[in-house]
Amino acid sequence: MSQLELARMIERASRRFLDYLRLELGRLGVDDISPSQVMVLFTIGSGEVAVRDLLDRGHYVGSNASYNLKQLVESGYLDRGASPRDRRLARISLSPKGQLLVERLRMLDENSQFGQGLDTDLVADLQTTHDTLRRLEQSWGDALRYGGILLASCTSYSFIVQDLVNSLT
């Protein structure tokens, strides 16, 4: 299996999960937020975060993230304010409405077929899949940080970068 085939499989699985999430939102009677916007809420979590950090953490594209954040603020799922130290920096956090939706979806997730009555082998397989995807994410991230950027600027040192990347995988 190639990296490209694997990436395509991950993308398809992600789309299927968003379809599943849309179904769950419908069951909850929530129709003013998209599944991808729900994932933004989960990325933000329980604290306050700078918009720039959200972009890094969730790997969102700037214009897409700006649109989603604007929609989430207007729909009442996010609170947005300026940083107390630097008024130019936007900080966002979940509003009470956003916190309630995240909590409701967490409860649904905990009570889903993935959380109830799984046999031991399937639980182990799911953990292995999670661990493998985490390592793959780390490997691709390291290749971008240590391989792509450095290789583009100093080709003569590529053997050092490749050794570093190999040692991390």
C-alpha atoms as a PDB file:
ATOM      1  CA  MET A   1       0.000   0.000   0.000  1.00  0.00           C
ATOM      2  CA  SER A   2       1.380   3.407  -0.944  1.00  0.00           C
ATOM      3  CA  GLN A   3       1.207   6.587   1.115  1.00  0.00           C
ATOM      4  CA  LEU A   4      -1.130   8.052  -1.498  1.00  0.00           C
ATOM      5  CA  GLU A   5      -3.541   5.108  -1.222  1.00  0.00           C
ATOM      6  CA  LEU A   6      -3.444   5.381   2.547  1.00  0.00           C
ATOM      7  CA  ALA A   7      -4.094   9.139   2.467  1.00  0.00           C
ATOM      8  CA  ARG A   8      -7.057   8.596   0.152  1.00  0.00           C
ATOM      9  CA  MET A   9      -8.471   5.950   2.514  1.00  0.00           C
ATOM     10  CA  ILE A  10      -8.093   8.308   5.478  1.00  0.00           C
ATOM     11  CA  GLU A  11      -9.850  11.073   3.527  1.00  0.00           C
ATOM     12  CA  ARG A  12     -12.756   8.762   2.636  1.00  0.00           C
ATOM     13  CA  ALA A  13     -13.063   7.608   6.246  1.00  0.00           C
ATOM     14  CA  SER A  14     -13.068  11.220   7.389  1.00  0.00           C
ATOM     15  CA  ARG A  15     -15.858  12.094   4.939  1.00  0.00           C
ATOM     16  CA  ARG A  16     -17.876   9.098   6.122  1.00  0.00           C
ATOM     17  CA  PHE A  17     -17.451  10.210   9.713  1.00  0.00           C
ATOM     18  CA  LEU A  18     -18.672  13.707   8.804  1.00  0.00           C
ATOM     19  CA  ASP A  19     -21.730  12.102   7.149  1.00  0.00           C
ATOM     20  CA  TYR A  20     -22.332  10.110  10.343  1.00  0.00           C
ATOM     21  CA  LEU A  21     -21.914  13.284  12.404  1.00  0.00           C
ATOM     22  CA  ARG A  22     -24.466  15.070  10.173  1.00  0.00           C
ATOM     23  CA  LEU A  23     -26.919  12.246  10.918  1.00  0.00           C
ATOM     24  CA  GLU A  24     -26.331  12.581  14.680  1.00  0.00           C
ATOM     25  CA  LEU A  25     -26.769  16.358  14.498  1.00  0.00           C
ATOM     26  CA  GLY A  26     -30.108  15.780  12.766  1.00  0.00           C
ATOM     27  CA  ARG A  27     -31.191  13.374  15.507  1.00  0.00           C
ATOM     28  CA  LEU A  28     -30.345  16.063  18.052  1.00  0.00           C
ATOM     29  CA  GLY A  29     -32.384  18.615  16.081  1.00  0.00           C
ATOM     30  CA  VAL A  30     -29.316  20.741  15.382  1.00  0.00           C
ATOM     31  CA  ASP A  31     -29.400  22.245  11.908  1.00  0.00           C
ATOM     32  CA  ASP A  32     -27.438  25.486  12.240  1.00  0.00           C
ATOM     33  CA  ILE A  33     -23.939  23.988  12.220  1.00  0.00           C
ATOM     34  CA  SER A  34     -22.079  21.758   9.781  1.00  0.00           C
ATOM     35  CA  PRO A  35     -20.145  18.627  10.765  1.00  0.00           C
ATOM     36  CA  SER A  36     -16.843  20.285   9.836  1.00  0.00           C
ATOM     37  CA  GLN A  37     -17.744  23.221  12.096  1.00  0.00           C
ATOM     38  CA  VAL A  38     -18.437  20.751  14.907  1.00  0.00           C
ATOM     39  CA  MET A  39     -14.895  19.445  14.446  1.00  0.00           C
ATOM     40  CA  VAL A  40     -13.653  23.030  14.886  1.00  0.00           C
ATOM     41  CA  LEU A  41     -15.494  23.141  18.239  1.00  0.00           C
ATOM     42  CA  PHE A  42     -13.768  19.935  19.324  1.00  0.00           C
ATOM     43  CA  THR A  43     -10.397  21.316  18.206  1.00  0.00           C
ATOM     44  CA  ILE A  44     -10.907  24.432  20.339  1.00  0.00           C
ATOM     45  CA  GLY A  45     -11.778  22.368  23.392  1.00  0.00           C
ATOM     46  CA  SER A  46     -12.579  23.746  26.812  1.00  0.00           C
ATOM     47  CA  GLY A  47     -10.119  26.637  26.981  1.00  0.00           C
ATOM     48  CA  GLU A  48      -9.483  29.834  25.134  1.00  0.00           C
ATOM     49  CA  VAL A  49      -7.305  29.695  22.030  1.00  0.00           C
ATOM     50  CA  ALA A  50      -5.754  32.191  19.642  1.00  0.00           C
ATOM     51  CA  VAL A  51      -7.065  31.936  16.100  1.00  0.00           C
ATOM     52  CA  ARG A  52      -3.505  31.373  14.846  1.00  0.00           C
ATOM     53  CA  ASP A  53      -3.091  28.421  17.229  1.00  0.00           C
ATOM     54  CA  LEU A  54      -6.391  26.978  16.025  1.00  0.00           C
ATOM     55  CA  LEU A  55      -5.112  27.067  12.453  1.00  0.00           C
ATOM     56  CA  ASP A  56      -1.953  25.216  13.506  1.00  0.00           C
ATOM     57  CA  ARG A  57      -3.745  22.717  15.723  1.00  0.00           C
ATOM     58  CA  GLY A  58      -6.533  21.821  13.337  1.00  0.00           C
ATOM     59  CA  HIS A  59      -4.656  22.222  10.070  1.00  0.00           C
ATOM     60  CA  TYR A  60      -7.341  24.510   8.676  1.00  0.00           C
ATOM     61  CA  VAL A  61      -6.895  26.691   5.621  1.00  0.00           C
ATOM     62  CA  GLY A  62      -7.007  30.387   6.519  1.00  0.00           C
ATOM     63  CA  SER A  63      -9.984  31.581   4.445  1.00  0.00           C
ATOM     64  CA  ASN A  64     -12.003  28.444   5.222  1.00  0.00           C
ATOM     65  CA  ALA A  65     -11.257  28.812   8.930  1.00  0.00           C
ATOM     66  CA  SER A  66     -12.196  32.505   8.873  1.00  0.00           C
ATOM     67  CA  TYR A  67     -15.538  31.703   7.274  1.00  0.00           C
ATOM     68  CA  ASN A  68     -16.259  28.879   9.739  1.00  0.00           C
ATOM     69  CA  LEU A  69     -15.265  30.971  12.746  1.00  0.00           C
ATOM     70  CA  LYS A  70     -17.482  33.849  11.589  1.00  0.00           C
ATOM     71  CA  GLN A  71     -20.420  31.445  11.148  1.00  0.00           C
ATOM     72  CA  LEU A  72     -19.802  29.842  14.560  1.00  0.00           C
ATOM     73  CA  VAL A  73     -19.704  33.233  16.294  1.00  0.00           C
ATOM     74  CA  GLU A  74     -22.868  34.387  14.500  1.00  0.00           C
ATOM     75  CA  SER A  75     -24.646  31.107  15.385  1.00  0.00           C
ATOM     76  CA  GLY A  76     -23.707  31.501  19.035  1.00  0.00           C
ATOM     77  CA  TYR A  77     -21.355  28.506  19.315  1.00  0.00           C
ATOM     78  CA  LEU A  78     -18.207  30.596  19.884  1.00  0.00           C
ATOM     79  CA  ASP A  79     -17.266  33.668  21.840  1.00  0.00           C
ATOM     80  CA  ARG A  80     -14.625  35.863  20.234  1.00  0.00           C
ATOM     81  CA  GLY A  81     -12.563  38.557  21.870  1.00  0.00           C
ATOM     82  CA  ALA A  82      -9.232  40.304  21.739  1.00  0.00           C
ATOM     83  CA  SER A  83      -6.165  39.173  23.643  1.00  0.00           C
ATOM     84  CA  PRO A  84      -5.657  41.269  26.788  1.00  0.00           C
ATOM     85  CA  ARG A  85      -1.950  41.677  25.957  1.00  0.00           C
ATOM     86  CA  ASP A  86      -2.295  42.412  22.251  1.00  0.00           C
ATOM     87  CA  ARG A  87      -5.690  43.691  21.127  1.00  0.00           C
ATOM     88  CA  ARG A  88      -4.860  42.788  17.509  1.00  0.00           C
ATOM     89  CA  LEU A  89      -4.870  39.057  18.307  1.00  0.00           C
ATOM     90  CA  ALA A  90      -8.262  37.343  18.252  1.00  0.00           C
ATOM     91  CA  ARG A  91      -9.015  34.767  20.950  1.00  0.00           C
ATOM     92  CA  ILE A  92     -11.916  32.345  20.761  1.00  0.00           C
ATOM     93  CA  SER A  93     -13.619  29.967  23.138  1.00  0.00           C
ATOM     94  CA  LEU A  94     -16.753  27.859  23.210  1.00  0.00           C
ATOM     95  CA  SER A  95     -19.885  29.703  24.264  1.00  0.00           C
ATOM     96  CA  PRO A  96     -22.325  27.923  26.594  1.00  0.00           C
ATOM     97  CA  LYS A  97     -24.234  26.799  23.463  1.00  0.00           C
ATOM     98  CA  GLY A  98     -21.018  25.390  21.983  1.00  0.00           C
ATOM     99  CA  GLN A  99     -20.085  23.675  25.243  1.00  0.00           C
ATOM    100  CA  LEU A 100     -23.527  22.060  25.451  1.00  0.00           C
ATOM    101  CA  LEU A 101     -23.325  20.705  21.891  1.00  0.00           C
ATOM    102  CA  VAL A 102     -19.824  19.320  22.437  1.00  0.00           C
ATOM    103  CA  GLU A 103     -20.936  17.639  25.653  1.00  0.00           C
ATOM    104  CA  ARG A 104     -24.035  16.136  24.000  1.00  0.00           C
ATOM    105  CA  LEU A 105     -21.922  14.740  21.149  1.00  0.00           C
ATOM    106  CA  ARG A 106     -19.346  13.348  23.588  1.00  0.00           C
ATOM    107  CA  MET A 107     -22.111  11.534  25.440  1.00  0.00           C
ATOM    108  CA  LEU A 108     -23.446  10.115  22.162  1.00  0.00           C
ATOM    109  CA  ASP A 109     -19.927   8.983  21.242  1.00  0.00           C
ATOM    110  CA  GLU A 110     -19.403   7.272  24.598  1.00  0.00           C
ATOM    111  CA  ASN A 111     -22.702   5.430  24.199  1.00  0.00           C
ATOM    112  CA  SER A 112     -22.193   4.446  20.547  1.00  0.00           C
ATOM    113  CA  GLN A 113     -21.346   0.965  19.298  1.00  0.00           C
ATOM    114  CA  PHE A 114     -17.666   1.964  19.473  1.00  0.00           C
ATOM    115  CA  GLY A 115     -17.952   2.415  23.216  1.00  0.00           C
ATOM    116  CA  GLN A 116     -20.276  -0.385  24.246  1.00  0.00           C
ATOM    117  CA  GLY A 117     -19.782  -4.119  24.387  1.00  0.00           C
ATOM    118  CA  LEU A 118     -16.848  -4.479  22.024  1.00  0.00           C
ATOM    119  CA  ASP A 119     -14.885  -7.668  22.218  1.00  0.00           C
ATOM    120  CA  THR A 120     -11.302  -7.427  23.416  1.00  0.00           C
ATOM    121  CA  ASP A 121      -9.789  -8.114  19.984  1.00  0.00           C
ATOM    122  CA  LEU A 122     -11.706  -5.256  18.351  1.00  0.00           C
ATOM    123  CA  VAL A 123     -10.738  -2.847  21.126  1.00  0.00           C
ATOM    124  CA  ALA A 124      -7.095  -3.813  20.608  1.00  0.00           C
ATOM    125  CA  ASP A 125      -7.442  -3.359  16.819  1.00  0.00           C
ATOM    126  CA  LEU A 126      -8.946   0.104  17.275  1.00  0.00           C
ATOM    127  CA  GLN A 127      -6.111   1.087  19.624  1.00  0.00           C
ATOM    128  CA  THR A 128      -3.534  -0.210  17.133  1.00  0.00           C
ATOM    129  CA  THR A 129      -5.214   1.766  14.331  1.00  0.00           C
ATOM    130  CA  HIS A 130      -5.188   4.915  16.456  1.00  0.00           C
ATOM    131  CA  ASP A 131      -1.531   4.465  17.363  1.00  0.00           C
ATOM    132  CA  THR A 132      -0.576   3.795  13.741  1.00  0.00           C
ATOM    133  CA  LEU A 133      -2.413   6.872  12.478  1.00  0.00           C
ATOM    134  CA  ARG A 134      -0.774   8.996  15.195  1.00  0.00           C
ATOM    135  CA  ARG A 135       2.694   7.760  14.104  1.00  0.00           C
ATOM    136  CA  LEU A 136       1.848   8.386  10.460  1.00  0.00           C
ATOM    137  CA  GLU A 137       0.703  11.922  11.265  1.00  0.00           C
ATOM    138  CA  GLN A 138       3.916  12.510  13.198  1.00  0.00           C
ATOM    139  CA  SER A 139       6.040  11.077  10.403  1.00  0.00           C
ATOM    140  CA  TRP A 140       4.415  13.221   7.711  1.00  0.00           C
ATOM    141  CA  GLY A 141       4.641  16.285   9.954  1.00  0.00           C
ATOM    142  CA  ASP A 142       8.310  15.638  10.620  1.00  0.00           C
ATOM    143  CA  ALA A 143       8.972  15.145   6.922  1.00  0.00           C
ATOM    144  CA  LEU A 144       7.396  18.531   6.256  1.00  0.00           C
ATOM    145  CA  ARG A 145       9.224  20.308   9.059  1.00  0.00           C
ATOM    146  CA  TYR A 146      12.615  18.658   8.808  1.00  0.00           C
ATOM    147  CA  GLY A 147      12.657  17.306   5.274  1.00  0.00           C
ATOM    148  CA  GLY A 148      10.723  19.665   3.050  1.00  0.00           C
ATOM    149  CA  ILE A 149      11.766  23.031   4.466  1.00  0.00           C
ATOM    150  CA  LEU A 150      15.406  22.216   5.076  1.00  0.00           C
ATOM    151  CA  LEU A 151      15.836  20.309   1.844  1.00  0.00           C
ATOM    152  CA  ALA A 152      14.420  23.194  -0.135  1.00  0.00           C
ATOM    153  CA  SER A 153      16.873  25.666   1.386  1.00  0.00           C
ATOM    154  CA  CYS A 154      20.046  23.576   1.766  1.00  0.00           C
ATOM    155  CA  THR A 155      20.181  20.548  -0.467  1.00  0.00           C
ATOM    156  CA  SER A 156      23.754  19.721   0.507  1.00  0.00           C
ATOM    157  CA  TYR A 157      22.641  18.829   4.029  1.00  0.00           C
ATOM    158  CA  SER A 158      19.835  16.526   2.916  1.00  0.00           C
ATOM    159  CA  PHE A 159      21.572  13.397   4.239  1.00  0.00           C
ATOM    160  CA  ILE A 160      21.489  14.868   7.769  1.00  0.00           C
ATOM    161  CA  VAL A 161      17.800  15.688   7.495  1.00  0.00           C
ATOM    162  CA  GLN A 162      16.962  12.253   6.093  1.00  0.00           C
ATOM    163  CA  ASP A 163      18.835  10.576   8.981  1.00  0.00           C
ATOM    164  CA  LEU A 164      16.867  12.733  11.423  1.00  0.00           C
ATOM    165  CA  VAL A 165      13.553  11.853   9.790  1.00  0.00           C
ATOM    166  CA  ASN A 166      14.461   8.156   9.714  1.00  0.00           C
ATOM    167  CA  SER A 167      15.378   8.230  13.402  1.00  0.00           C
ATOM    168  CA  LEU A 168      11.945   9.642  14.247  1.00  0.00           C
ATOM    169  CA  THR A 169      10.010   6.938  12.410  1.00  0.00           C
END
